[in-house]
Amino acid sequence: MDLKQHIRHVPDFPKAGILFYDITTLLRNAEGFAMTIDMLSSPYVGKGIEVVVGIESRGFILGAAVAERIKAGFIPIRKPGKLPSKTLKESYSLEYGMDSLEVHEDAIENGHKVLIVDDVLATGGTAGAAAKMVRKLGGDLVGLAFLIELQFLNGRSKLADEKVFSVLQY
C-alpha cells in the first residue's frame, strides 16, 4: 500500500501559501492506519523506551498507538492552558508564526528513555521545543519519529544532534 495516496493535500491551510498534508484520510483507512503504526513503531521495538511523547494534536493519535505497540507509556505535550497541573513551557517558531507547548513538570522521570512522535516534521520548531522539554525534565531522548517529513523546509537541520526517523518524505 502506498501511504502517500491516502494523504489529502489542502492548499492555503491554515493560511495562504501553506500546503497542508491532511492525514485524516489515511487514518480512516484501517489498513493504512495499521501500516502507519507498524512503520512508525518498528525501529523502536525492543529498544527499552519507557515513554512516548505525542505532540498536540495528531501526535496524540500516532504517539498513543506507537506507545501501545512498543509497550511504553504515553505523555501528551499540549498547547498552553490545557494541562491541569504545574507545567514546563517552551516557545518556538512555526512555518507560519510563533507558538508554545507545555508538558507536566512531573511527566518524565530522570533517565526515562523517551521517544517523541508527531505527524509532520516541517521547520523543526515544534519538535525542537518538545526535545528541549524532554531534556529539561531529565529524559534520555532516544529519537523523534514522524509520519511525514517536508524535506524542503529543512526541519531536520534544527534537530541535527537528534536521531530522526520519518516514514514518508516530500
N, C-alpha and C. Protein backbone atom coordinates (compact mmCIF):
# COMPACT_ATOMS: atom_id res chain seq x y z
N MET A 1 0.84 -1.18 0.00
CA MET A 1 0.00 0.00 0.00
C MET A 1 0.89 1.25 0.00
N ASP A 2 0.58 2.19 -0.85
CA ASP A 2 1.29 3.47 -0.92
C ASP A 2 0.57 4.46 0.00
N LEU A 3 1.15 4.72 1.17
CA LEU A 3 0.52 5.60 2.14
C LEU A 3 0.28 7.00 1.59
N LYS A 4 1.18 7.48 0.74
CA LYS A 4 1.03 8.83 0.19
C LYS A 4 -0.28 9.01 -0.58
N GLN A 5 -0.76 7.95 -1.19
CA GLN A 5 -2.01 8.03 -1.96
C GLN A 5 -3.22 8.32 -1.07
N HIS A 6 -3.06 8.10 0.23
CA HIS A 6 -4.18 8.29 1.16
C HIS A 6 -4.08 9.59 1.95
N ILE A 7 -3.12 10.43 1.63
CA ILE A 7 -2.96 11.71 2.30
C ILE A 7 -3.48 12.83 1.41
N ARG A 8 -4.45 13.57 1.95
CA ARG A 8 -5.07 14.66 1.20
C ARG A 8 -4.21 15.91 1.30
N HIS A 9 -4.02 16.62 0.20
CA HIS A 9 -3.29 17.88 0.18
C HIS A 9 -4.29 19.02 0.13
N VAL A 10 -4.18 19.93 1.11
CA VAL A 10 -5.11 21.05 1.22
C VAL A 10 -4.33 22.35 1.05
N PRO A 11 -4.50 23.03 -0.10
CA PRO A 11 -3.77 24.29 -0.30
C PRO A 11 -4.33 25.42 0.57
N ASP A 12 -3.44 26.35 0.92
CA ASP A 12 -3.80 27.56 1.66
C ASP A 12 -4.43 27.29 3.02
N PHE A 13 -3.94 26.26 3.72
CA PHE A 13 -4.40 25.96 5.07
C PHE A 13 -3.19 25.71 5.95
N PRO A 14 -3.08 26.32 7.10
CA PRO A 14 -4.04 27.19 7.78
C PRO A 14 -4.03 28.63 7.31
N LYS A 15 -3.10 28.97 6.38
CA LYS A 15 -3.13 30.31 5.81
C LYS A 15 -2.60 30.24 4.38
N ALA A 16 -2.78 31.31 3.64
CA ALA A 16 -2.39 31.37 2.23
C ALA A 16 -0.92 31.01 2.05
N GLY A 17 -0.65 30.19 1.04
CA GLY A 17 0.71 29.81 0.72
C GLY A 17 1.19 28.53 1.38
N ILE A 18 0.41 27.99 2.32
CA ILE A 18 0.79 26.75 3.02
C ILE A 18 0.04 25.58 2.36
N LEU A 19 0.76 24.51 2.05
CA LEU A 19 0.13 23.28 1.58
C LEU A 19 0.08 22.32 2.76
N PHE A 20 -1.14 22.01 3.22
CA PHE A 20 -1.34 21.18 4.41
C PHE A 20 -1.49 19.72 4.00
N TYR A 21 -0.75 18.84 4.68
CA TYR A 21 -0.82 17.39 4.41
C TYR A 21 -1.77 16.79 5.45
N ASP A 22 -3.00 16.51 5.02
CA ASP A 22 -4.08 16.05 5.90
C ASP A 22 -4.04 14.53 6.01
N ILE A 23 -3.67 14.03 7.20
CA ILE A 23 -3.56 12.59 7.40
C ILE A 23 -4.88 11.93 7.82
N THR A 24 -5.93 12.72 8.03
CA THR A 24 -7.20 12.12 8.45
C THR A 24 -7.73 11.14 7.41
N THR A 25 -7.42 11.40 6.16
CA THR A 25 -7.85 10.49 5.09
C THR A 25 -7.06 9.18 5.11
N LEU A 26 -5.85 9.21 5.64
CA LEU A 26 -5.06 7.99 5.83
C LEU A 26 -5.55 7.23 7.06
N LEU A 27 -5.81 7.95 8.14
CA LEU A 27 -6.22 7.33 9.40
C LEU A 27 -7.56 6.62 9.29
N ARG A 28 -8.45 7.09 8.43
CA ARG A 28 -9.77 6.45 8.31
C ARG A 28 -9.70 5.10 7.59
N ASN A 29 -8.58 4.84 6.94
CA ASN A 29 -8.38 3.58 6.23
C ASN A 29 -7.72 2.59 7.19
N ALA A 30 -8.43 1.52 7.57
CA ALA A 30 -7.93 0.58 8.58
C ALA A 30 -6.56 0.01 8.21
N GLU A 31 -6.39 -0.41 6.98
CA GLU A 31 -5.11 -0.98 6.54
C GLU A 31 -4.01 0.09 6.56
N GLY A 32 -4.35 1.28 6.10
CA GLY A 32 -3.38 2.37 6.08
C GLY A 32 -2.97 2.80 7.48
N PHE A 33 -3.93 2.85 8.39
CA PHE A 33 -3.63 3.23 9.77
C PHE A 33 -2.72 2.18 10.41
N ALA A 34 -3.07 0.91 10.24
CA ALA A 34 -2.25 -0.17 10.81
C ALA A 34 -0.84 -0.15 10.24
N MET A 35 -0.72 0.07 8.94
CA MET A 35 0.60 0.11 8.31
C MET A 35 1.40 1.32 8.82
N THR A 36 0.74 2.43 9.01
CA THR A 36 1.38 3.63 9.53
C THR A 36 1.99 3.36 10.90
N ILE A 37 1.21 2.75 11.78
CA ILE A 37 1.70 2.47 13.14
C ILE A 37 2.80 1.42 13.10
N ASP A 38 2.67 0.42 12.24
CA ASP A 38 3.75 -0.58 12.09
C ASP A 38 5.05 0.10 11.67
N MET A 39 4.97 0.98 10.70
CA MET A 39 6.18 1.63 10.17
C MET A 39 6.79 2.61 11.17
N LEU A 40 5.94 3.32 11.91
CA LEU A 40 6.45 4.25 12.93
C LEU A 40 7.06 3.50 14.12
N SER A 41 6.51 2.35 14.45
CA SER A 41 6.93 1.60 15.63
C SER A 41 8.14 0.71 15.42
N SER A 42 8.27 0.14 14.23
CA SER A 42 9.25 -0.92 14.01
C SER A 42 10.70 -0.56 14.40
N PRO A 43 11.18 0.66 14.18
CA PRO A 43 12.57 0.94 14.58
C PRO A 43 12.78 0.97 16.10
N TYR A 44 11.69 0.99 16.88
CA TYR A 44 11.79 1.21 18.31
C TYR A 44 11.38 0.01 19.16
N VAL A 45 10.91 -1.06 18.54
CA VAL A 45 10.53 -2.26 19.28
C VAL A 45 11.79 -2.83 19.95
N GLY A 46 11.66 -3.14 21.23
CA GLY A 46 12.77 -3.74 21.97
C GLY A 46 13.90 -2.80 22.31
N LYS A 47 13.71 -1.50 22.19
CA LYS A 47 14.77 -0.53 22.47
C LYS A 47 14.71 0.02 23.90
N GLY A 48 13.79 -0.51 24.71
CA GLY A 48 13.72 -0.09 26.10
C GLY A 48 13.10 1.26 26.33
N ILE A 49 12.35 1.76 25.35
CA ILE A 49 11.70 3.06 25.51
C ILE A 49 10.61 2.93 26.57
N GLU A 50 10.64 3.86 27.53
CA GLU A 50 9.69 3.82 28.64
C GLU A 50 8.46 4.67 28.40
N VAL A 51 8.64 5.80 27.70
CA VAL A 51 7.50 6.67 27.41
C VAL A 51 7.62 7.25 26.00
N VAL A 52 6.45 7.39 25.39
CA VAL A 52 6.34 8.07 24.10
C VAL A 52 5.66 9.39 24.35
N VAL A 53 6.24 10.45 23.83
CA VAL A 53 5.66 11.78 23.92
C VAL A 53 4.98 12.07 22.59
N GLY A 54 3.70 12.43 22.64
CA GLY A 54 2.96 12.83 21.45
C GLY A 54 2.66 14.30 21.50
N ILE A 55 2.89 14.99 20.39
CA ILE A 55 2.69 16.44 20.32
C ILE A 55 1.30 16.74 19.79
N GLU A 56 0.59 17.64 20.48
CA GLU A 56 -0.78 18.01 20.10
C GLU A 56 -0.84 18.45 18.65
N SER A 57 -1.78 18.03 17.89
CA SER A 57 -2.84 17.10 18.25
C SER A 57 -2.72 15.75 17.54
N ARG A 58 -2.26 15.75 16.32
CA ARG A 58 -2.18 14.46 15.61
C ARG A 58 -1.08 13.57 16.19
N GLY A 59 -0.13 14.15 16.89
CA GLY A 59 0.87 13.35 17.59
C GLY A 59 0.26 12.52 18.71
N PHE A 60 -0.91 12.95 19.22
CA PHE A 60 -1.62 12.15 20.23
C PHE A 60 -2.08 10.84 19.61
N ILE A 61 -2.65 10.92 18.42
CA ILE A 61 -3.18 9.74 17.75
C ILE A 61 -2.06 8.76 17.44
N LEU A 62 -1.03 9.25 16.77
CA LEU A 62 0.07 8.39 16.36
C LEU A 62 0.91 7.94 17.56
N GLY A 63 1.21 8.87 18.45
CA GLY A 63 2.05 8.56 19.60
C GLY A 63 1.44 7.54 20.54
N ALA A 64 0.15 7.67 20.82
CA ALA A 64 -0.52 6.71 21.71
C ALA A 64 -0.51 5.31 21.10
N ALA A 65 -0.75 5.23 19.80
CA ALA A 65 -0.74 3.92 19.13
C ALA A 65 0.67 3.32 19.11
N VAL A 66 1.68 4.15 18.87
CA VAL A 66 3.06 3.67 18.90
C VAL A 66 3.42 3.21 20.31
N ALA A 67 3.03 3.99 21.33
CA ALA A 67 3.31 3.62 22.73
C ALA A 67 2.73 2.25 23.05
N GLU A 68 1.50 2.03 22.65
CA GLU A 68 0.87 0.73 22.91
C GLU A 68 1.63 -0.37 22.19
N ARG A 69 2.01 -0.12 20.96
CA ARG A 69 2.70 -1.13 20.15
C ARG A 69 4.06 -1.52 20.73
N ILE A 70 4.80 -0.53 21.28
CA ILE A 70 6.13 -0.83 21.81
C ILE A 70 6.11 -1.03 23.32
N LYS A 71 4.91 -1.07 23.87
CA LYS A 71 4.72 -1.34 25.30
C LYS A 71 5.37 -0.27 26.19
N ALA A 72 5.06 0.97 25.87
CA ALA A 72 5.56 2.12 26.63
C ALA A 72 4.37 2.94 27.13
N GLY A 73 4.64 3.83 28.05
CA GLY A 73 3.63 4.78 28.49
C GLY A 73 3.50 5.91 27.48
N PHE A 74 2.50 6.77 27.69
CA PHE A 74 2.26 7.89 26.77
C PHE A 74 2.15 9.19 27.55
N ILE A 75 2.79 10.24 27.02
CA ILE A 75 2.75 11.58 27.62
C ILE A 75 2.33 12.58 26.55
N PRO A 76 1.27 13.36 26.81
CA PRO A 76 0.90 14.41 25.86
C PRO A 76 1.67 15.70 26.10
N ILE A 77 2.15 16.30 25.02
CA ILE A 77 2.66 17.67 25.06
C ILE A 77 1.57 18.51 24.41
N ARG A 78 1.10 19.53 25.13
CA ARG A 78 -0.10 20.25 24.72
C ARG A 78 0.16 21.73 24.47
N LYS A 79 -0.84 22.34 23.87
CA LYS A 79 -0.83 23.80 23.72
C LYS A 79 -1.08 24.41 25.10
N PRO A 80 -0.64 25.65 25.32
CA PRO A 80 -0.74 26.27 26.65
C PRO A 80 -2.16 26.29 27.21
N GLY A 81 -2.23 26.08 28.53
CA GLY A 81 -3.50 26.18 29.24
C GLY A 81 -4.36 24.94 29.20
N LYS A 82 -3.89 23.84 28.66
CA LYS A 82 -4.70 22.62 28.52
C LYS A 82 -4.40 21.56 29.57
N LEU A 83 -3.29 21.69 30.28
CA LEU A 83 -2.90 20.69 31.28
C LEU A 83 -3.24 21.19 32.68
N PRO A 84 -3.77 20.32 33.54
CA PRO A 84 -4.32 20.77 34.82
C PRO A 84 -3.34 20.95 35.97
N SER A 85 -2.10 20.53 35.82
CA SER A 85 -1.14 20.63 36.92
C SER A 85 0.02 21.54 36.50
N LYS A 86 1.03 21.62 37.33
CA LYS A 86 2.17 22.50 37.07
C LYS A 86 2.90 22.05 35.80
N THR A 87 3.23 23.02 34.93
CA THR A 87 3.80 22.69 33.63
C THR A 87 5.13 23.40 33.37
N LEU A 88 5.85 22.82 32.40
CA LEU A 88 7.03 23.43 31.81
C LEU A 88 6.59 23.92 30.45
N LYS A 89 6.97 25.15 30.08
CA LYS A 89 6.54 25.76 28.81
C LYS A 89 7.76 26.06 27.95
N GLU A 90 7.60 25.85 26.64
CA GLU A 90 8.67 26.14 25.68
C GLU A 90 8.03 26.80 24.45
N SER A 91 8.58 27.94 24.03
CA SER A 91 8.10 28.64 22.83
C SER A 91 8.98 28.30 21.64
N TYR A 92 8.43 28.44 20.43
CA TYR A 92 9.16 28.06 19.22
C TYR A 92 8.57 28.78 18.01
N SER A 93 9.31 28.78 16.91
CA SER A 93 8.86 29.37 15.64
C SER A 93 8.23 28.30 14.78
N LEU A 94 7.17 28.67 14.10
CA LEU A 94 6.49 27.81 13.14
C LEU A 94 6.79 28.29 11.73
N GLU A 95 6.41 27.49 10.77
CA GLU A 95 6.49 27.87 9.36
C GLU A 95 5.68 29.14 9.12
N TYR A 96 4.64 29.35 9.93
CA TYR A 96 3.72 30.47 9.72
C TYR A 96 3.46 31.28 10.98
N GLY A 97 4.44 31.37 11.92
CA GLY A 97 4.26 32.19 13.11
C GLY A 97 5.00 31.66 14.31
N MET A 98 4.50 32.00 15.51
CA MET A 98 5.08 31.55 16.79
C MET A 98 4.02 30.80 17.58
N ASP A 99 4.49 29.91 18.47
CA ASP A 99 3.58 29.16 19.33
C ASP A 99 4.35 28.66 20.54
N SER A 100 3.65 27.99 21.45
CA SER A 100 4.25 27.42 22.65
C SER A 100 3.64 26.06 22.92
N LEU A 101 4.39 25.26 23.68
CA LEU A 101 3.93 23.95 24.12
C LEU A 101 4.16 23.83 25.61
N GLU A 102 3.39 22.94 26.25
CA GLU A 102 3.57 22.67 27.67
C GLU A 102 3.50 21.18 27.93
N VAL A 103 4.18 20.77 29.00
CA VAL A 103 4.15 19.39 29.48
C VAL A 103 4.11 19.45 31.00
N HIS A 104 3.47 18.48 31.63
CA HIS A 104 3.50 18.44 33.09
C HIS A 104 4.93 18.30 33.58
N GLU A 105 5.28 19.05 34.61
CA GLU A 105 6.65 19.02 35.15
C GLU A 105 7.05 17.65 35.69
N ASP A 106 6.05 16.85 36.08
CA ASP A 106 6.35 15.53 36.64
C ASP A 106 6.09 14.39 35.64
N ALA A 107 5.97 14.72 34.36
CA ALA A 107 5.62 13.72 33.35
C ALA A 107 6.74 12.74 33.06
N ILE A 108 7.96 13.21 33.09
CA ILE A 108 9.11 12.38 32.73
C ILE A 108 10.04 12.28 33.93
N GLU A 109 10.39 11.05 34.26
CA GLU A 109 11.33 10.83 35.36
C GLU A 109 12.75 10.92 34.84
N ASN A 110 13.66 11.34 35.71
CA ASN A 110 15.06 11.46 35.34
C ASN A 110 15.58 10.13 34.79
N GLY A 111 16.16 10.18 33.58
CA GLY A 111 16.72 8.99 32.95
C GLY A 111 15.75 8.16 32.13
N HIS A 112 14.46 8.52 32.15
CA HIS A 112 13.49 7.78 31.33
C HIS A 112 13.91 7.82 29.86
N LYS A 113 13.84 6.68 29.19
CA LYS A 113 14.10 6.64 27.75
C LYS A 113 12.82 7.09 27.05
N VAL A 114 12.96 8.13 26.21
CA VAL A 114 11.81 8.81 25.62
C VAL A 114 11.90 8.82 24.10
N LEU A 115 10.76 8.59 23.45
CA LEU A 115 10.59 8.74 22.00
C LEU A 115 9.54 9.81 21.78
N ILE A 116 9.83 10.78 20.92
CA ILE A 116 8.86 11.80 20.53
C ILE A 116 8.25 11.39 19.20
N VAL A 117 6.91 11.47 19.11
CA VAL A 117 6.20 11.12 17.88
C VAL A 117 5.29 12.28 17.49
N ASP A 118 5.31 12.62 16.19
CA ASP A 118 4.39 13.62 15.65
C ASP A 118 4.07 13.26 14.22
N ASP A 119 3.08 13.94 13.67
CA ASP A 119 2.66 13.62 12.31
C ASP A 119 3.59 14.19 11.26
N VAL A 120 4.04 15.45 11.44
CA VAL A 120 4.82 16.12 10.40
C VAL A 120 6.05 16.82 10.97
N LEU A 121 7.18 16.63 10.31
CA LEU A 121 8.37 17.43 10.57
C LEU A 121 8.43 18.46 9.46
N ALA A 122 8.20 19.73 9.82
CA ALA A 122 8.24 20.81 8.83
C ALA A 122 9.51 21.64 9.09
N THR A 123 9.40 22.73 9.82
CA THR A 123 10.56 23.57 10.09
C THR A 123 11.40 23.08 11.26
N GLY A 124 10.85 22.17 12.06
CA GLY A 124 11.57 21.63 13.20
C GLY A 124 11.34 22.38 14.50
N GLY A 125 10.58 23.46 14.46
CA GLY A 125 10.34 24.25 15.66
C GLY A 125 9.59 23.50 16.74
N THR A 126 8.50 22.86 16.38
CA THR A 126 7.69 22.12 17.34
C THR A 126 8.49 20.97 17.94
N ALA A 127 9.13 20.19 17.08
CA ALA A 127 9.91 19.04 17.55
C ALA A 127 11.08 19.49 18.40
N GLY A 128 11.74 20.59 18.01
CA GLY A 128 12.85 21.11 18.79
C GLY A 128 12.42 21.53 20.18
N ALA A 129 11.24 22.18 20.26
CA ALA A 129 10.71 22.59 21.57
C ALA A 129 10.40 21.37 22.43
N ALA A 130 9.81 20.35 21.83
CA ALA A 130 9.49 19.13 22.57
C ALA A 130 10.77 18.46 23.07
N ALA A 131 11.79 18.40 22.22
CA ALA A 131 13.07 17.80 22.62
C ALA A 131 13.69 18.56 23.79
N LYS A 132 13.63 19.88 23.75
CA LYS A 132 14.17 20.70 24.85
C LYS A 132 13.45 20.38 26.15
N MET A 133 12.13 20.25 26.09
CA MET A 133 11.36 19.98 27.30
C MET A 133 11.70 18.60 27.86
N VAL A 134 11.81 17.60 26.98
CA VAL A 134 12.18 16.25 27.44
C VAL A 134 13.50 16.29 28.18
N ARG A 135 14.47 16.97 27.62
CA ARG A 135 15.79 17.05 28.25
C ARG A 135 15.76 17.86 29.55
N LYS A 136 15.01 18.97 29.58
CA LYS A 136 14.92 19.77 30.80
C LYS A 136 14.32 18.96 31.95
N LEU A 137 13.45 18.01 31.61
CA LEU A 137 12.83 17.17 32.64
C LEU A 137 13.69 15.95 32.99
N GLY A 138 14.85 15.83 32.34
CA GLY A 138 15.77 14.74 32.66
C GLY A 138 15.62 13.50 31.82
N GLY A 139 14.80 13.58 30.76
CA GLY A 139 14.60 12.42 29.90
C GLY A 139 15.80 12.14 29.01
N ASP A 140 15.98 10.87 28.68
CA ASP A 140 17.00 10.41 27.74
C ASP A 140 16.29 10.26 26.39
N LEU A 141 16.46 11.24 25.52
CA LEU A 141 15.75 11.26 24.25
C LEU A 141 16.39 10.27 23.27
N VAL A 142 15.67 9.18 23.01
CA VAL A 142 16.16 8.13 22.13
C VAL A 142 16.01 8.53 20.66
N GLY A 143 14.95 9.28 20.34
CA GLY A 143 14.74 9.70 18.96
C GLY A 143 13.43 10.43 18.77
N LEU A 144 13.24 10.89 17.53
CA LEU A 144 12.00 11.54 17.12
C LEU A 144 11.51 10.83 15.87
N ALA A 145 10.22 10.47 15.85
CA ALA A 145 9.64 9.75 14.73
C ALA A 145 8.47 10.54 14.16
N PHE A 146 8.44 10.66 12.84
CA PHE A 146 7.41 11.42 12.15
C PHE A 146 6.81 10.58 11.04
N LEU A 147 5.53 10.76 10.79
CA LEU A 147 4.91 10.12 9.64
C LEU A 147 5.41 10.78 8.36
N ILE A 148 5.42 12.12 8.36
CA ILE A 148 5.78 12.89 7.16
C ILE A 148 6.93 13.84 7.48
N GLU A 149 7.88 13.92 6.56
CA GLU A 149 8.94 14.91 6.65
C GLU A 149 8.90 15.78 5.39
N LEU A 150 8.74 17.08 5.58
CA LEU A 150 8.75 18.04 4.48
C LEU A 150 10.19 18.50 4.30
N GLN A 151 10.93 17.77 3.51
CA GLN A 151 12.38 17.99 3.38
C GLN A 151 12.73 19.39 2.90
N PHE A 152 11.89 19.98 2.08
CA PHE A 152 12.16 21.31 1.52
C PHE A 152 12.15 22.41 2.57
N LEU A 153 11.64 22.12 3.79
CA LEU A 153 11.63 23.11 4.87
C LEU A 153 12.82 22.93 5.82
N ASN A 154 13.65 21.91 5.59
CA ASN A 154 14.89 21.71 6.33
C ASN A 154 14.74 21.61 7.85
N GLY A 155 13.62 21.05 8.31
CA GLY A 155 13.40 20.90 9.74
C GLY A 155 14.42 20.01 10.42
N ARG A 156 14.92 19.03 9.69
CA ARG A 156 15.92 18.11 10.25
C ARG A 156 17.18 18.87 10.68
N SER A 157 17.48 19.98 10.01
CA SER A 157 18.69 20.75 10.36
C SER A 157 18.59 21.34 11.77
N LYS A 158 17.37 21.64 12.25
CA LYS A 158 17.18 22.14 13.61
C LYS A 158 17.29 21.02 14.64
N LEU A 159 17.29 19.80 14.14
CA LEU A 159 17.38 18.62 15.01
C LEU A 159 18.67 17.85 14.71
N ALA A 160 19.70 18.58 14.33
CA ALA A 160 20.95 17.98 13.84
C ALA A 160 21.59 17.00 14.83
N ASP A 161 21.41 17.23 16.11
CA ASP A 161 22.02 16.35 17.11
C ASP A 161 21.10 15.20 17.53
N GLU A 162 19.94 15.09 16.88
CA GLU A 162 18.94 14.09 17.26
C GLU A 162 18.89 12.95 16.25
N LYS A 163 18.38 11.82 16.71
CA LYS A 163 18.12 10.68 15.81
C LYS A 163 16.69 10.84 15.30
N VAL A 164 16.58 11.21 14.02
CA VAL A 164 15.28 11.49 13.40
C VAL A 164 14.92 10.40 12.41
N PHE A 165 13.68 9.93 12.51
CA PHE A 165 13.15 8.92 11.60
C PHE A 165 11.85 9.45 11.01
N SER A 166 11.69 9.32 9.70
CA SER A 166 10.42 9.67 9.05
C SER A 166 10.01 8.56 8.11
N VAL A 167 8.72 8.28 8.07
CA VAL A 167 8.17 7.24 7.22
C VAL A 167 8.09 7.72 5.78
N LEU A 168 7.52 8.92 5.58
CA LEU A 168 7.31 9.48 4.24
C LEU A 168 8.04 10.81 4.09
N GLN A 169 8.61 11.03 2.93
CA GLN A 169 9.29 12.30 2.67
C GLN A 169 8.67 12.96 1.45
N TYR A 170 8.52 14.28 1.56
CA TYR A 170 8.06 15.11 0.44
C TYR A 170 9.11 16.16 0.18
